[in-house]
Amino acid sequence: MKNEKSFFETIIDAISWLKIVASPTILGIGIGFACQYYLNSDFLFGFFVIAGIVLGIYWANKVSKKYGATDFISKVDASPDIDEYVKDKK
């Protein structure tokens, strides 16, 4: 029998998954805005935005299957330097 997650754990996983998707999406939007501003190309803007979203979804799914979205985000957001400093301070 599979261990089912609680509602709270599911919400945290969804938020973590969205955070992983957001990174390439924001990068794609930035590159798209630059292309639109400098080259006046709406096509390139749309291309980079959609490419960022698609790559973000692909990357988030791959990370979720391999590590788990919450575990991946917690490792990325961790700050072992600060933890060691606080531990030494006590």
Protein backbone atom coordinates (compact mmCIF):
# COMPACT_ATOMS: atom_id res chain seq x y z
CA MET A 1 0.00 0.00 0.00
CA LYS A 2 1.37 3.41 -0.98
CA ASN A 3 1.98 6.02 1.70
CA GLU A 4 -0.39 8.86 0.79
CA LYS A 5 0.52 12.47 1.47
CA SER A 6 -1.60 14.78 3.55
CA PHE A 7 -3.27 17.82 2.04
CA PHE A 8 -0.63 20.11 3.55
CA GLU A 9 2.24 18.05 2.07
CA THR A 10 0.57 18.11 -1.33
CA ILE A 11 0.25 21.91 -1.19
CA ILE A 12 3.93 22.28 -0.20
CA ASP A 13 4.96 19.98 -3.08
CA ALA A 14 2.87 22.04 -5.52
CA ILE A 15 4.43 25.30 -4.34
CA SER A 16 7.92 23.80 -4.62
CA TRP A 17 7.13 22.53 -8.12
CA LEU A 18 5.94 26.02 -9.12
CA LYS A 19 9.15 27.55 -7.75
CA ILE A 20 11.18 25.21 -9.96
CA VAL A 21 9.07 26.10 -13.01
CA ALA A 22 9.37 29.83 -12.27
CA SER A 23 13.14 30.01 -12.73
CA PRO A 24 13.40 29.15 -16.44
CA THR A 25 10.11 30.92 -17.11
CA ILE A 26 11.41 34.21 -15.70
CA LEU A 27 14.63 33.77 -17.66
CA GLY A 28 12.63 33.19 -20.86
CA ILE A 29 10.51 36.28 -20.20
CA GLY A 30 13.65 38.37 -19.67
CA ILE A 31 15.26 37.16 -22.88
CA GLY A 32 11.96 37.64 -24.70
CA PHE A 33 11.64 41.24 -23.49
CA ALA A 34 15.20 41.94 -24.60
CA CYS A 35 14.46 40.52 -28.06
CA GLN A 36 11.28 42.54 -28.32
CA TYR A 37 12.94 45.76 -27.17
CA TYR A 38 16.08 45.53 -29.31
CA LEU A 39 14.82 43.60 -32.34
CA ASN A 40 11.09 44.52 -32.32
CA SER A 41 10.27 40.84 -32.72
CA ASP A 42 7.03 39.67 -31.17
CA PHE A 43 7.72 36.19 -32.50
CA LEU A 44 10.98 35.85 -30.56
CA PHE A 45 9.29 37.19 -27.42
CA GLY A 46 6.58 34.52 -27.65
CA PHE A 47 9.10 31.84 -28.53
CA PHE A 48 11.32 32.50 -25.52
CA VAL A 49 8.39 32.79 -23.11
CA ILE A 50 6.88 29.50 -24.27
CA ALA A 51 10.31 27.83 -24.34
CA GLY A 52 10.91 28.97 -20.74
CA ILE A 53 7.58 27.57 -19.60
CA VAL A 54 8.08 24.25 -21.40
CA LEU A 55 11.64 23.84 -20.12
CA GLY A 56 10.51 24.79 -16.62
CA ILE A 57 7.77 22.16 -16.62
CA TYR A 58 10.15 19.53 -18.00
CA TRP A 59 12.81 20.35 -15.42
CA ALA A 60 10.31 20.43 -12.53
CA ASN A 61 8.88 17.03 -13.48
CA LYS A 62 12.36 15.53 -13.84
CA VAL A 63 13.48 16.90 -10.46
CA SER A 64 10.23 15.83 -8.78
CA LYS A 65 10.64 12.24 -9.93
CA LYS A 66 14.32 12.02 -9.07
CA TYR A 67 14.60 13.94 -5.78
CA GLY A 68 11.18 15.30 -4.90
CA ALA A 69 10.39 18.97 -5.45
CA THR A 70 10.35 19.85 -1.76
CA ASP A 71 13.69 18.15 -1.06
CA PHE A 72 15.29 19.88 -4.05
CA ILE A 73 14.02 23.33 -3.05
CA SER A 74 15.04 22.81 0.57
CA LYS A 75 18.60 22.00 -0.53
CA VAL A 76 18.70 25.03 -2.82
CA ASP A 77 17.31 27.35 -0.13
CA ALA A 78 19.51 25.94 2.64
CA SER A 79 22.27 28.05 4.12
CA PRO A 80 24.77 25.79 5.90
CA ASP A 81 27.15 28.71 6.48
CA ILE A 82 24.59 30.53 8.60
CA ASP A 83 23.61 27.32 10.40
CA GLU A 84 27.24 26.68 11.37
CA TYR A 85 27.69 30.28 12.51
CA VAL A 86 24.59 30.13 14.72
CA LYS A 87 25.67 26.74 16.13
CA ASP A 88 29.15 28.07 16.96
CA LYS A 89 27.64 31.18 18.56
CA LYS A 90 25.72 29.12 21.16
